[in-house]
Amino acid sequence: MATRPVDFRKGADSLAALVQTELGLQPFSGVVFVFRAKRADRVKLLYWDGTGLCLLSKRLEDGRFRWPRLQDGVMRLSAAQLAALLEGLDWRRMHALRVPAPTVAA
């Protein structure tokens, strides 16, 4: 997830270029990249599905997405945190259950 707002007039190609130049990451890796607008009620997801770039946009009708403090850089989200973000929930409260590995196979 990019933590700094981006110009929401950007399309898939412009966002892919931003991923490469500003974030230093590979947009064709299959990773889902999440971008926010200056207004915290909009989000765009960019990902490569193996055949082309996919761009998903969501705008909340009421309320705002929960975002970290504005800063430069990238944050990693788990699948559960991303799902919570897209539902408009506070994804920061989502934590993976830590289960110790078994010591003996049954």
N, C-alpha and C. Protein backbone atom coordinates (compact mmCIF):
# COMPACT_ATOMS: atom_id res chain seq x y z
N MET A 1 0.85 -1.17 0.00
CA MET A 1 0.00 0.00 0.00
C MET A 1 0.90 1.23 0.00
N ALA A 2 0.65 2.13 -0.95
CA ALA A 2 1.36 3.40 -0.97
C ALA A 2 0.75 4.29 0.11
N THR A 3 1.57 4.88 0.93
CA THR A 3 1.05 5.65 2.07
C THR A 3 0.82 7.12 1.74
N ARG A 4 1.26 7.55 0.58
CA ARG A 4 1.07 8.94 0.17
C ARG A 4 -0.04 9.02 -0.87
N PRO A 5 -0.93 10.01 -0.82
CA PRO A 5 -1.99 10.12 -1.82
C PRO A 5 -1.42 10.30 -3.23
N VAL A 6 -2.15 9.76 -4.23
CA VAL A 6 -1.76 9.92 -5.63
C VAL A 6 -2.87 10.65 -6.38
N ASP A 7 -2.52 11.20 -7.53
CA ASP A 7 -3.48 11.87 -8.41
C ASP A 7 -4.42 10.80 -8.96
N PHE A 8 -5.70 10.89 -8.63
CA PHE A 8 -6.64 9.85 -9.02
C PHE A 8 -7.09 9.93 -10.47
N ARG A 9 -6.53 10.85 -11.23
CA ARG A 9 -6.76 10.86 -12.67
C ARG A 9 -5.87 9.84 -13.35
N LYS A 10 -4.88 9.31 -12.63
CA LYS A 10 -3.95 8.32 -13.20
C LYS A 10 -4.68 7.01 -13.48
N GLY A 11 -4.31 6.41 -14.61
CA GLY A 11 -4.84 5.11 -14.99
C GLY A 11 -3.85 4.01 -14.68
N ALA A 12 -4.11 2.81 -15.22
CA ALA A 12 -3.29 1.64 -14.93
C ALA A 12 -1.83 1.83 -15.34
N ASP A 13 -1.60 2.35 -16.54
CA ASP A 13 -0.22 2.51 -17.01
C ASP A 13 0.55 3.52 -16.18
N SER A 14 -0.09 4.64 -15.85
CA SER A 14 0.58 5.67 -15.04
C SER A 14 0.87 5.16 -13.63
N LEU A 15 -0.06 4.41 -13.05
CA LEU A 15 0.18 3.86 -11.71
C LEU A 15 1.27 2.79 -11.74
N ALA A 16 1.32 1.99 -12.81
CA ALA A 16 2.39 0.99 -12.94
C ALA A 16 3.75 1.68 -13.03
N ALA A 17 3.81 2.79 -13.77
CA ALA A 17 5.06 3.55 -13.87
C ALA A 17 5.44 4.12 -12.51
N LEU A 18 4.45 4.58 -11.74
CA LEU A 18 4.71 5.11 -10.40
C LEU A 18 5.26 4.01 -9.49
N VAL A 19 4.72 2.81 -9.60
CA VAL A 19 5.20 1.68 -8.80
C VAL A 19 6.69 1.45 -9.07
N GLN A 20 7.07 1.50 -10.36
CA GLN A 20 8.47 1.26 -10.72
C GLN A 20 9.38 2.41 -10.31
N THR A 21 8.99 3.64 -10.64
CA THR A 21 9.91 4.77 -10.45
C THR A 21 9.95 5.28 -9.01
N GLU A 22 8.80 5.41 -8.37
CA GLU A 22 8.76 6.00 -7.04
C GLU A 22 8.85 4.98 -5.90
N LEU A 23 8.26 3.81 -6.12
CA LEU A 23 8.27 2.80 -5.06
C LEU A 23 9.40 1.79 -5.24
N GLY A 24 9.98 1.75 -6.44
CA GLY A 24 11.08 0.83 -6.71
C GLY A 24 10.67 -0.63 -6.71
N LEU A 25 9.41 -0.89 -7.08
CA LEU A 25 8.89 -2.26 -7.08
C LEU A 25 8.46 -2.65 -8.49
N GLN A 26 8.20 -3.93 -8.70
CA GLN A 26 7.83 -4.46 -10.01
C GLN A 26 6.31 -4.59 -10.10
N PRO A 27 5.65 -3.79 -10.96
CA PRO A 27 4.19 -3.83 -11.04
C PRO A 27 3.64 -5.11 -11.68
N PHE A 28 4.50 -5.90 -12.32
CA PHE A 28 4.04 -7.12 -13.00
C PHE A 28 4.37 -8.38 -12.20
N SER A 29 4.47 -8.22 -10.89
CA SER A 29 4.85 -9.33 -10.00
C SER A 29 3.65 -10.12 -9.48
N GLY A 30 2.45 -9.61 -9.67
CA GLY A 30 1.27 -10.27 -9.12
C GLY A 30 0.85 -9.72 -7.77
N VAL A 31 1.65 -8.81 -7.22
CA VAL A 31 1.32 -8.16 -5.95
C VAL A 31 0.22 -7.13 -6.20
N VAL A 32 -0.69 -6.98 -5.26
CA VAL A 32 -1.75 -5.97 -5.35
C VAL A 32 -1.22 -4.68 -4.74
N PHE A 33 -1.22 -3.60 -5.53
CA PHE A 33 -0.77 -2.30 -5.06
C PHE A 33 -2.00 -1.44 -4.77
N VAL A 34 -2.03 -0.84 -3.59
CA VAL A 34 -3.18 -0.05 -3.14
C VAL A 34 -2.77 1.41 -3.10
N PHE A 35 -3.59 2.26 -3.72
CA PHE A 35 -3.34 3.70 -3.76
C PHE A 35 -4.53 4.43 -3.17
N ARG A 36 -4.25 5.54 -2.51
CA ARG A 36 -5.31 6.35 -1.93
C ARG A 36 -5.37 7.71 -2.60
N ALA A 37 -6.54 8.31 -2.55
CA ALA A 37 -6.72 9.68 -3.03
C ALA A 37 -6.50 10.63 -1.87
N LYS A 38 -6.37 11.90 -2.20
CA LYS A 38 -6.22 12.91 -1.14
C LYS A 38 -7.42 12.86 -0.21
N ARG A 39 -8.62 12.74 -0.83
CA ARG A 39 -9.82 12.52 -0.01
C ARG A 39 -9.79 11.07 0.41
N ALA A 40 -9.94 10.79 1.65
CA ALA A 40 -9.76 9.43 2.17
C ALA A 40 -10.94 8.51 1.87
N ASP A 41 -11.84 8.91 0.98
CA ASP A 41 -12.99 8.08 0.67
C ASP A 41 -12.81 7.26 -0.61
N ARG A 42 -11.61 7.31 -1.22
CA ARG A 42 -11.37 6.61 -2.48
C ARG A 42 -10.09 5.80 -2.43
N VAL A 43 -10.13 4.66 -3.12
CA VAL A 43 -8.98 3.78 -3.17
C VAL A 43 -8.92 3.14 -4.56
N LYS A 44 -7.70 2.88 -5.05
CA LYS A 44 -7.50 2.15 -6.31
C LYS A 44 -6.55 1.00 -6.04
N LEU A 45 -6.84 -0.15 -6.64
CA LEU A 45 -5.99 -1.32 -6.55
C LEU A 45 -5.48 -1.66 -7.94
N LEU A 46 -4.19 -1.88 -8.05
CA LEU A 46 -3.55 -2.22 -9.32
C LEU A 46 -2.86 -3.57 -9.16
N TYR A 47 -3.09 -4.48 -10.10
CA TYR A 47 -2.38 -5.76 -10.06
C TYR A 47 -2.30 -6.37 -11.46
N TRP A 48 -1.31 -7.21 -11.63
CA TRP A 48 -1.09 -7.95 -12.87
C TRP A 48 -1.65 -9.35 -12.66
N ASP A 49 -2.58 -9.77 -13.52
CA ASP A 49 -3.20 -11.09 -13.34
C ASP A 49 -2.59 -12.17 -14.24
N GLY A 50 -1.49 -11.83 -14.90
CA GLY A 50 -0.84 -12.78 -15.80
C GLY A 50 -1.14 -12.53 -17.26
N THR A 51 -2.24 -11.80 -17.52
CA THR A 51 -2.60 -11.47 -18.91
C THR A 51 -2.69 -9.98 -19.15
N GLY A 52 -2.76 -9.20 -18.10
CA GLY A 52 -2.85 -7.74 -18.24
C GLY A 52 -2.95 -7.06 -16.89
N LEU A 53 -2.83 -5.73 -16.91
CA LEU A 53 -2.98 -4.94 -15.69
C LEU A 53 -4.45 -4.78 -15.37
N CYS A 54 -4.80 -4.96 -14.11
CA CYS A 54 -6.18 -4.78 -13.64
C CYS A 54 -6.20 -3.57 -12.72
N LEU A 55 -7.22 -2.74 -12.87
CA LEU A 55 -7.36 -1.56 -12.03
C LEU A 55 -8.77 -1.55 -11.45
N LEU A 56 -8.84 -1.58 -10.12
CA LEU A 56 -10.11 -1.56 -9.41
C LEU A 56 -10.19 -0.27 -8.63
N SER A 57 -11.35 0.36 -8.67
CA SER A 57 -11.54 1.62 -7.95
C SER A 57 -12.75 1.48 -7.04
N LYS A 58 -12.65 2.02 -5.83
CA LYS A 58 -13.78 2.01 -4.90
C LYS A 58 -13.89 3.36 -4.23
N ARG A 59 -15.14 3.83 -4.11
CA ARG A 59 -15.42 5.07 -3.40
C ARG A 59 -16.49 4.75 -2.36
N LEU A 60 -16.22 5.11 -1.11
CA LEU A 60 -17.21 4.90 -0.06
C LEU A 60 -18.30 5.96 -0.19
N GLU A 61 -19.53 5.54 -0.09
CA GLU A 61 -20.65 6.47 -0.16
C GLU A 61 -20.74 7.33 1.09
N ASP A 62 -20.35 6.76 2.22
CA ASP A 62 -20.40 7.50 3.47
C ASP A 62 -19.19 7.09 4.30
N GLY A 63 -18.52 8.04 4.86
CA GLY A 63 -17.35 7.74 5.68
C GLY A 63 -16.06 7.79 4.89
N ARG A 64 -15.00 7.35 5.55
CA ARG A 64 -13.67 7.38 4.95
C ARG A 64 -12.94 6.08 5.25
N PHE A 65 -12.02 5.75 4.35
CA PHE A 65 -11.14 4.61 4.62
C PHE A 65 -10.21 4.98 5.75
N ARG A 66 -9.80 4.00 6.53
CA ARG A 66 -8.84 4.22 7.62
C ARG A 66 -7.44 4.10 7.03
N TRP A 67 -6.67 5.17 7.15
CA TRP A 67 -5.32 5.21 6.58
C TRP A 67 -4.30 5.48 7.66
N PRO A 68 -3.08 5.02 7.44
CA PRO A 68 -2.01 5.38 8.38
C PRO A 68 -1.67 6.86 8.21
N ARG A 69 -0.85 7.38 9.12
CA ARG A 69 -0.40 8.76 8.99
C ARG A 69 0.24 8.95 7.62
N LEU A 70 0.06 10.13 7.04
CA LEU A 70 0.66 10.42 5.75
C LEU A 70 2.17 10.41 5.87
N GLN A 71 2.80 9.65 5.00
CA GLN A 71 4.26 9.56 4.98
C GLN A 71 4.65 9.00 3.62
N ASP A 72 5.91 9.14 3.29
CA ASP A 72 6.40 8.53 2.06
C ASP A 72 6.70 7.07 2.33
N GLY A 73 6.49 6.26 1.33
CA GLY A 73 6.86 4.87 1.48
C GLY A 73 5.73 3.90 1.20
N VAL A 74 5.97 2.67 1.60
CA VAL A 74 5.08 1.56 1.30
C VAL A 74 4.81 0.79 2.58
N MET A 75 3.59 0.27 2.71
CA MET A 75 3.23 -0.61 3.83
C MET A 75 2.73 -1.92 3.24
N ARG A 76 2.97 -3.00 3.93
CA ARG A 76 2.43 -4.30 3.52
C ARG A 76 1.18 -4.60 4.34
N LEU A 77 0.15 -5.10 3.65
CA LEU A 77 -1.09 -5.51 4.30
C LEU A 77 -1.29 -7.00 4.06
N SER A 78 -1.87 -7.67 5.03
CA SER A 78 -2.27 -9.07 4.82
C SER A 78 -3.57 -9.07 4.02
N ALA A 79 -3.96 -10.24 3.54
CA ALA A 79 -5.22 -10.36 2.80
C ALA A 79 -6.40 -9.94 3.69
N ALA A 80 -6.36 -10.31 4.96
CA ALA A 80 -7.44 -9.94 5.89
C ALA A 80 -7.48 -8.43 6.11
N GLN A 81 -6.31 -7.80 6.22
CA GLN A 81 -6.27 -6.34 6.40
C GLN A 81 -6.79 -5.63 5.16
N LEU A 82 -6.44 -6.13 3.96
CA LEU A 82 -6.94 -5.52 2.73
C LEU A 82 -8.45 -5.66 2.64
N ALA A 83 -8.98 -6.83 2.99
CA ALA A 83 -10.43 -7.03 2.98
C ALA A 83 -11.12 -6.07 3.94
N ALA A 84 -10.54 -5.88 5.13
CA ALA A 84 -11.11 -4.95 6.11
C ALA A 84 -11.06 -3.52 5.58
N LEU A 85 -9.94 -3.14 4.97
CA LEU A 85 -9.81 -1.80 4.39
C LEU A 85 -10.91 -1.55 3.37
N LEU A 86 -11.12 -2.50 2.46
CA LEU A 86 -12.13 -2.34 1.41
C LEU A 86 -13.55 -2.32 1.95
N GLU A 87 -13.76 -2.89 3.13
CA GLU A 87 -15.07 -2.84 3.77
C GLU A 87 -15.28 -1.55 4.56
N GLY A 88 -14.23 -0.72 4.65
CA GLY A 88 -14.33 0.52 5.40
C GLY A 88 -14.05 0.33 6.88
N LEU A 89 -13.54 -0.85 7.27
CA LEU A 89 -13.24 -1.13 8.67
C LEU A 89 -11.84 -0.63 9.02
N ASP A 90 -11.55 -0.59 10.29
CA ASP A 90 -10.22 -0.18 10.73
C ASP A 90 -9.29 -1.39 10.62
N TRP A 91 -8.58 -1.50 9.50
CA TRP A 91 -7.72 -2.65 9.21
C TRP A 91 -6.55 -2.75 10.18
N ARG A 92 -6.22 -1.65 10.86
CA ARG A 92 -5.08 -1.67 11.78
C ARG A 92 -5.35 -2.57 12.98
N ARG A 93 -6.61 -2.90 13.22
CA ARG A 93 -6.96 -3.77 14.35
C ARG A 93 -6.94 -5.25 13.98
N MET A 94 -6.66 -5.53 12.71
CA MET A 94 -6.62 -6.92 12.24
C MET A 94 -5.21 -7.46 12.45
N HIS A 95 -5.10 -8.55 13.20
CA HIS A 95 -3.80 -9.18 13.44
C HIS A 95 -3.92 -10.67 13.18
N ALA A 96 -2.90 -11.22 12.59
CA ALA A 96 -2.88 -12.65 12.32
C ALA A 96 -2.76 -13.43 13.63
N LEU A 97 -3.46 -14.53 13.70
CA LEU A 97 -3.37 -15.42 14.85
C LEU A 97 -2.04 -16.15 14.79
N ARG A 98 -1.26 -16.07 15.83
CA ARG A 98 0.05 -16.72 15.88
C ARG A 98 -0.12 -18.10 16.53
N VAL A 99 0.13 -19.12 15.76
CA VAL A 99 0.00 -20.49 16.25
C VAL A 99 1.38 -21.13 16.18
N PRO A 100 1.88 -21.67 17.29
CA PRO A 100 3.19 -22.32 17.25
C PRO A 100 3.13 -23.60 16.40
N ALA A 101 4.20 -23.88 15.70
CA ALA A 101 4.27 -25.09 14.89
C ALA A 101 4.33 -26.31 15.81
N PRO A 102 3.66 -27.40 15.42
CA PRO A 102 3.72 -28.61 16.23
C PRO A 102 5.15 -29.16 16.27
N THR A 103 5.48 -29.80 17.35
CA THR A 103 6.83 -30.37 17.49
C THR A 103 6.88 -31.82 17.03
N VAL A 104 5.73 -32.50 17.04
CA VAL A 104 5.67 -33.91 16.64
C VAL A 104 4.49 -34.10 15.71
N ALA A 105 4.72 -34.82 14.62
CA ALA A 105 3.62 -35.16 13.71
C ALA A 105 2.84 -36.33 14.29
N ALA A 106 1.52 -36.26 14.23
CA ALA A 106 0.70 -37.33 14.82
C ALA A 106 0.55 -38.51 13.93
